[in-house]
PDB file of N, CA and C in Angstrom:
ATOM      1  N   UNK A   1      37.516 -56.796  69.178  1.00  0.00           N
ATOM      2  CA  UNK A   1      36.677 -57.821  68.590  1.00  0.00           C
ATOM      3  C   UNK A   1      35.860 -57.212  67.467  1.00  0.00           C
ATOM      4  N   UNK A   2      35.803 -57.899  66.375  1.00  0.00           N
ATOM      5  CA  UNK A   2      35.097 -57.392  65.204  1.00  0.00           C
ATOM      6  C   UNK A   2      33.784 -58.131  65.023  1.00  0.00           C
ATOM      7  N   UNK A   3      32.730 -57.381  64.812  1.00  0.00           N
ATOM      8  CA  UNK A   3      31.421 -57.973  64.560  1.00  0.00           C
ATOM      9  C   UNK A   3      31.083 -57.895  63.079  1.00  0.00           C
ATOM     10  N   UNK A   4      32.002 -58.289  62.239  1.00  0.00           N
ATOM     11  CA  UNK A   4      31.784 -58.249  60.804  1.00  0.00           C
ATOM     12  C   UNK A   4      30.877 -59.406  60.416  1.00  0.00           C
ATOM     13  N   UNK A   5      29.771 -59.071  59.787  1.00  0.00           N
ATOM     14  CA  UNK A   5      28.824 -60.095  59.344  1.00  0.00           C
ATOM     15  C   UNK A   5      29.233 -60.616  57.981  1.00  0.00           C
ATOM     16  N   UNK A   6      29.186 -61.903  57.824  1.00  0.00           N
ATOM     17  CA  UNK A   6      29.441 -62.462  56.504  1.00  0.00           C
ATOM     18  C   UNK A   6      28.126 -62.936  55.915  1.00  0.00           C
ATOM     19  N   UNK A   7      28.183 -63.373  54.677  1.00  0.00           N
ATOM     20  CA  UNK A   7      26.960 -63.745  53.961  1.00  0.00           C
ATOM     21  C   UNK A   7      26.195 -64.857  54.663  1.00  0.00           C
ATOM     22  N   UNK A   8      26.879 -65.761  55.356  1.00  0.00           N
ATOM     23  CA  UNK A   8      26.204 -66.889  55.990  1.00  0.00           C
ATOM     24  C   UNK A   8      25.382 -66.466  57.204  1.00  0.00           C
ATOM     25  N   UNK A   9      25.600 -65.263  57.731  1.00  0.00           N
ATOM     26  CA  UNK A   9      24.837 -64.825  58.901  1.00  0.00           C
ATOM     27  C   UNK A   9      23.499 -64.203  58.529  1.00  0.00           C
ATOM     28  N   UNK A  10      23.282 -63.922  57.292  1.00  0.00           N
ATOM     29  CA  UNK A  10      22.037 -63.281  56.863  1.00  0.00           C
ATOM     30  C   UNK A  10      21.010 -64.331  56.472  1.00  0.00           C
ATOM     31  N   UNK A  11      19.779 -64.123  56.875  1.00  0.00           N
ATOM     32  CA  UNK A  11      18.709 -65.059  56.564  1.00  0.00           C
ATOM     33  C   UNK A  11      18.118 -64.803  55.183  1.00  0.00           C
ATOM     34  N   UNK A  12      18.411 -63.650  54.605  1.00  0.00           N
ATOM     35  CA  UNK A  12      17.870 -63.308  53.301  1.00  0.00           C
ATOM     36  C   UNK A  12      18.896 -62.478  52.554  1.00  0.00           C
ATOM     37  N   UNK A  13      18.670 -62.321  51.271  1.00  0.00           N
ATOM     38  CA  UNK A  13      19.538 -61.481  50.451  1.00  0.00           C
ATOM     39  C   UNK A  13      18.729 -60.289  49.967  1.00  0.00           C
ATOM     40  N   UNK A  14      19.358 -59.142  49.987  1.00  0.00           N
ATOM     41  CA  UNK A  14      18.707 -57.973  49.422  1.00  0.00           C
ATOM     42  C   UNK A  14      19.069 -57.893  47.953  1.00  0.00           C
ATOM     43  N   UNK A  15      18.365 -57.067  47.227  1.00  0.00           N
ATOM     44  CA  UNK A  15      18.687 -56.892  45.809  1.00  0.00           C
ATOM     45  C   UNK A  15      20.116 -56.403  45.653  1.00  0.00           C
ATOM     46  N   UNK A  16      20.577 -55.531  46.542  1.00  0.00           N
ATOM     47  CA  UNK A  16      21.937 -55.021  46.459  1.00  0.00           C
ATOM     48  C   UNK A  16      22.972 -56.126  46.620  1.00  0.00           C
ATOM     49  N   UNK A  17      22.686 -57.120  47.445  1.00  0.00           N
ATOM     50  CA  UNK A  17      23.669 -58.176  47.674  1.00  0.00           C
ATOM     51  C   UNK A  17      23.778 -59.125  46.488  1.00  0.00           C
ATOM     52  N   UNK A  18      22.851 -59.037  45.548  1.00  0.00           N
ATOM     53  CA  UNK A  18      22.920 -59.907  44.380  1.00  0.00           C
ATOM     54  C   UNK A  18      23.577 -59.233  43.184  1.00  0.00           C
ATOM     55  N   UNK A  19      23.924 -57.953  43.319  1.00  0.00           N
ATOM     56  CA  UNK A  19      24.575 -57.230  42.230  1.00  0.00           C
ATOM     57  C   UNK A  19      26.038 -57.609  42.143  1.00  0.00           C
ATOM     58  N   UNK A  20      26.570 -57.590  40.940  1.00  0.00           N
ATOM     59  CA  UNK A  20      27.994 -57.846  40.717  1.00  0.00           C
ATOM     60  C   UNK A  20      28.628 -56.552  40.241  1.00  0.00           C
ATOM     61  N   UNK A  21      29.740 -56.211  40.836  1.00  0.00           N
ATOM     62  CA  UNK A  21      30.394 -54.961  40.459  1.00  0.00           C
ATOM     63  C   UNK A  21      31.513 -55.171  39.472  1.00  0.00           C
ATOM     64  N   UNK A  22      31.821 -56.386  39.148  1.00  0.00           N
ATOM     65  CA  UNK A  22      32.897 -56.651  38.203  1.00  0.00           C
ATOM     66  C   UNK A  22      34.171 -57.098  38.880  1.00  0.00           C
ATOM     67  N   UNK A  23      34.271 -56.935  40.190  1.00  0.00           N
ATOM     68  CA  UNK A  23      35.482 -57.357  40.876  1.00  0.00           C
ATOM     69  C   UNK A  23      35.526 -58.878  41.026  1.00  0.00           C
ATOM     70  N   UNK A  24      34.369 -59.510  41.165  1.00  0.00           N
ATOM     71  CA  UNK A  24      34.328 -60.965  41.276  1.00  0.00           C
ATOM     72  C   UNK A  24      34.261 -61.622  39.905  1.00  0.00           C
ATOM     73  N   UNK A  25      33.441 -61.078  39.050  1.00  0.00           N
ATOM     74  CA  UNK A  25      33.271 -61.552  37.678  1.00  0.00           C
ATOM     75  C   UNK A  25      32.608 -60.448  36.874  1.00  0.00           C
ATOM     76  N   UNK A  26      32.468 -60.665  35.632  1.00  0.00           N
ATOM     77  CA  UNK A  26      31.962 -59.621  34.729  1.00  0.00           C
ATOM     78  C   UNK A  26      30.528 -59.208  35.083  1.00  0.00           C
ATOM     79  N   UNK A  27      30.226 -57.956  34.823  1.00  0.00           N
ATOM     80  CA  UNK A  27      28.881 -57.422  35.026  1.00  0.00           C
ATOM     81  C   UNK A  27      28.025 -57.859  33.845  1.00  0.00           C
ATOM     82  N   UNK A  28      26.845 -58.379  34.133  1.00  0.00           N
ATOM     83  CA  UNK A  28      25.954 -58.745  33.034  1.00  0.00           C
ATOM     84  C   UNK A  28      24.857 -57.687  32.899  1.00  0.00           C
ATOM     85  N   UNK A  29      24.115 -57.717  31.799  1.00  0.00           N
ATOM     86  CA  UNK A  29      23.094 -56.684  31.577  1.00  0.00           C
ATOM     87  C   UNK A  29      22.064 -56.586  32.698  1.00  0.00           C
ATOM     88  N   UNK A  30      21.676 -57.712  33.288  1.00  0.00           N
ATOM     89  CA  UNK A  30      20.705 -57.667  34.385  1.00  0.00           C
ATOM     90  C   UNK A  30      21.283 -56.920  35.581  1.00  0.00           C
ATOM     91  N   UNK A  31      22.575 -57.109  35.868  1.00  0.00           N
ATOM     92  CA  UNK A  31      23.215 -56.379  36.964  1.00  0.00           C
ATOM     93  C   UNK A  31      23.154 -54.881  36.708  1.00  0.00           C
ATOM     94  N   UNK A  32      23.404 -54.496  35.473  1.00  0.00           N
ATOM     95  CA  UNK A  32      23.396 -53.078  35.128  1.00  0.00           C
ATOM     96  C   UNK A  32      22.000 -52.475  35.307  1.00  0.00           C
ATOM     97  N   UNK A  33      20.979 -53.200  34.905  1.00  0.00           N
ATOM     98  CA  UNK A  33      19.599 -52.722  35.064  1.00  0.00           C
ATOM     99  C   UNK A  33      19.256 -52.588  36.546  1.00  0.00           C
ATOM    100  N   UNK A  34      19.617 -53.597  37.354  1.00  0.00           N
ATOM    101  CA  UNK A  34      19.308 -53.542  38.782  1.00  0.00           C
ATOM    102  C   UNK A  34      20.119 -52.461  39.485  1.00  0.00           C
ATOM    103  N   UNK A  35      21.343 -52.202  39.042  1.00  0.00           N
ATOM    104  CA  UNK A  35      22.151 -51.130  39.633  1.00  0.00           C
ATOM    105  C   UNK A  35      21.494 -49.774  39.411  1.00  0.00           C
ATOM    106  N   UNK A  36      20.750 -49.667  38.319  1.00  0.00           N
ATOM    107  CA  UNK A  36      20.037 -48.427  38.029  1.00  0.00           C
ATOM    108  C   UNK A  36      18.746 -48.316  38.839  1.00  0.00           C
ATOM    109  N   UNK A  37      18.432 -49.360  39.633  1.00  0.00           N
ATOM    110  CA  UNK A  37      17.234 -49.325  40.465  1.00  0.00           C
ATOM    111  C   UNK A  37      15.966 -49.675  39.724  1.00  0.00           C
ATOM    112  N   UNK A  38      16.103 -50.386  38.608  1.00  0.00           N
ATOM    113  CA  UNK A  38      14.927 -50.725  37.795  1.00  0.00           C
ATOM    114  C   UNK A  38      14.737 -52.230  37.765  1.00  0.00           C
ATOM    115  N   UNK A  39      13.543 -52.642  37.431  1.00  0.00           N
ATOM    116  CA  UNK A  39      13.236 -54.059  37.268  1.00  0.00           C
ATOM    117  C   UNK A  39      13.737 -54.519  35.901  1.00  0.00           C
ATOM    118  N   UNK A  40      14.404 -55.665  35.841  1.00  0.00           N
ATOM    119  CA  UNK A  40      14.886 -56.150  34.539  1.00  0.00           C
ATOM    120  C   UNK A  40      13.732 -56.558  33.626  1.00  0.00           C
ATOM    121  N   UNK A  41      13.559 -55.844  32.545  1.00  0.00           N
ATOM    122  CA  UNK A  41      12.593 -56.198  31.512  1.00  0.00           C
ATOM    123  C   UNK A  41      13.398 -56.500  30.249  1.00  0.00           C
ATOM    124  N   UNK A  42      12.835 -57.200  29.298  1.00  0.00           N
ATOM    125  CA  UNK A  42      13.593 -57.492  28.080  1.00  0.00           C
ATOM    126  C   UNK A  42      14.140 -56.236  27.395  1.00  0.00           C
ATOM    127  N   UNK A  43      13.356 -55.169  27.391  1.00  0.00           N
ATOM    128  CA  UNK A  43      13.801 -53.935  26.736  1.00  0.00           C
ATOM    129  C   UNK A  43      14.980 -53.299  27.473  1.00  0.00           C
ATOM    130  N   UNK A  44      14.892 -53.239  28.803  1.00  0.00           N
ATOM    131  CA  UNK A  44      15.970 -52.639  29.588  1.00  0.00           C
ATOM    132  C   UNK A  44      17.231 -53.503  29.567  1.00  0.00           C
ATOM    133  N   UNK A  45      17.053 -54.808  29.547  1.00  0.00           N
ATOM    134  CA  UNK A  45      18.211 -55.702  29.472  1.00  0.00           C
ATOM    135  C   UNK A  45      18.928 -55.521  28.139  1.00  0.00           C
ATOM    136  N   UNK A  46      18.174 -55.364  27.061  1.00  0.00           N
ATOM    137  CA  UNK A  46      18.788 -55.131  25.743  1.00  0.00           C
ATOM    138  C   UNK A  46      19.529 -53.798  25.721  1.00  0.00           C
ATOM    139  N   UNK A  47      18.937 -52.768  26.296  1.00  0.00           N
ATOM    140  CA  UNK A  47      19.593 -51.462  26.358  1.00  0.00           C
ATOM    141  C   UNK A  47      20.886 -51.553  27.184  1.00  0.00           C
ATOM    142  N   UNK A  48      20.839 -52.286  28.282  1.00  0.00           N
ATOM    143  CA  UNK A  48      22.021 -52.470  29.124  1.00  0.00           C
ATOM    144  C   UNK A  48      23.092 -53.276  28.389  1.00  0.00           C
ATOM    145  N   UNK A  49      22.682 -54.267  27.612  1.00  0.00           N
ATOM    146  CA  UNK A  49      23.644 -55.054  26.830  1.00  0.00           C
ATOM    147  C   UNK A  49      24.393 -54.159  25.862  1.00  0.00           C
ATOM    148  N   UNK A  50      23.669 -53.257  25.210  1.00  0.00           N
ATOM    149  CA  UNK A  50      24.314 -52.330  24.272  1.00  0.00           C
ATOM    150  C   UNK A  50      25.264 -51.379  25.003  1.00  0.00           C
ATOM    151  N   UNK A  51      24.859 -50.911  26.186  1.00  0.00           N
ATOM    152  CA  UNK A  51      25.733 -50.027  26.972  1.00  0.00           C
ATOM    153  C   UNK A  51      27.009 -50.750  27.379  1.00  0.00           C
ATOM    154  N   UNK A  52      26.894 -52.013  27.761  1.00  0.00           N
ATOM    155  CA  UNK A  52      28.078 -52.784  28.131  1.00  0.00           C
ATOM    156  C   UNK A  52      28.981 -53.023  26.928  1.00  0.00           C
ATOM    157  N   UNK A  53      28.386 -53.248  25.755  1.00  0.00           N
ATOM    158  CA  UNK A  53      29.193 -53.421  24.546  1.00  0.00           C
ATOM    159  C   UNK A  53      29.944 -52.132  24.208  1.00  0.00           C
ATOM    160  N   UNK A  54      29.274 -50.996  24.389  1.00  0.00           N
ATOM    161  CA  UNK A  54      29.870 -49.711  24.032  1.00  0.00           C
ATOM    162  C   UNK A  54      30.899 -49.239  25.058  1.00  0.00           C
ATOM    163  N   UNK A  55      30.566 -49.368  26.353  1.00  0.00           N
ATOM    164  CA  UNK A  55      31.407 -48.800  27.407  1.00  0.00           C
ATOM    165  C   UNK A  55      32.181 -49.839  28.206  1.00  0.00           C
ATOM    166  N   UNK A  56      31.871 -51.109  28.013  1.00  0.00           N
ATOM    167  CA  UNK A  56      32.527 -52.156  28.782  1.00  0.00           C
ATOM    168  C   UNK A  56      32.084 -52.124  30.241  1.00  0.00           C
ATOM    169  N   UNK A  57      32.885 -52.711  31.124  1.00  0.00           N
ATOM    170  CA  UNK A  57      32.515 -52.763  32.541  1.00  0.00           C
ATOM    171  C   UNK A  57      32.356 -51.379  33.179  1.00  0.00           C
ATOM    172  N   UNK A  58      32.927 -50.350  32.584  1.00  0.00           N
ATOM    173  CA  UNK A  58      32.800 -48.993  33.125  1.00  0.00           C
ATOM    174  C   UNK A  58      31.354 -48.499  33.085  1.00  0.00           C
ATOM    175  N   UNK A  59      30.487 -49.132  32.332  1.00  0.00           N
ATOM    176  CA  UNK A  59      29.085 -48.713  32.248  1.00  0.00           C
ATOM    177  C   UNK A  59      28.412 -48.748  33.617  1.00  0.00           C
ATOM    178  N   UNK A  60      28.788 -49.686  34.466  1.00  0.00           N
ATOM    179  CA  UNK A  60      28.166 -49.800  35.788  1.00  0.00           C
ATOM    180  C   UNK A  60      28.616 -48.672  36.711  1.00  0.00           C
ATOM    181  N   UNK A  61      29.727 -48.039  36.429  1.00  0.00           N
ATOM    182  CA  UNK A  61      30.223 -46.955  37.280  1.00  0.00           C
ATOM    183  C   UNK A  61      29.311 -45.737  37.270  1.00  0.00           C
ATOM    184  N   UNK A  62      28.430 -45.647  36.325  1.00  0.00           N
ATOM    185  CA  UNK A  62      27.449 -44.567  36.303  1.00  0.00           C
ATOM    186  C   UNK A  62      26.463 -44.706  37.458  1.00  0.00           C
ATOM    187  N   UNK A  63      26.283 -45.938  37.959  1.00  0.00           N
ATOM    188  CA  UNK A  63      25.272 -46.207  38.977  1.00  0.00           C
ATOM    189  C   UNK A  63      25.846 -46.555  40.332  1.00  0.00           C
ATOM    190  N   UNK A  64      27.034 -47.150  40.354  1.00  0.00           N
ATOM    191  CA  UNK A  64      27.645 -47.553  41.625  1.00  0.00           C
ATOM    192  C   UNK A  64      28.840 -46.662  41.930  1.00  0.00           C
ATOM    193  N   UNK A  65      28.970 -46.253  43.172  1.00  0.00           N
ATOM    194  CA  UNK A  65      30.104 -45.392  43.536  1.00  0.00           C
ATOM    195  C   UNK A  65      31.422 -46.145  43.507  1.00  0.00           C
TER     196      UNK A  65
END
């Protein structure tokens, strides 16, 4: 018997559960900032946007295993 929890069993979402890794859909700049463990500010979001333009979806691999 498997006790695998799905999203509907959780009463709340953690910051990690709101991140997108690119497997479901494209990573956006806010995802990249949060993957780095930082709060999304306009400056950091702009920096992340440039990183995504330069490196594409691989930019998130610097932060996620």
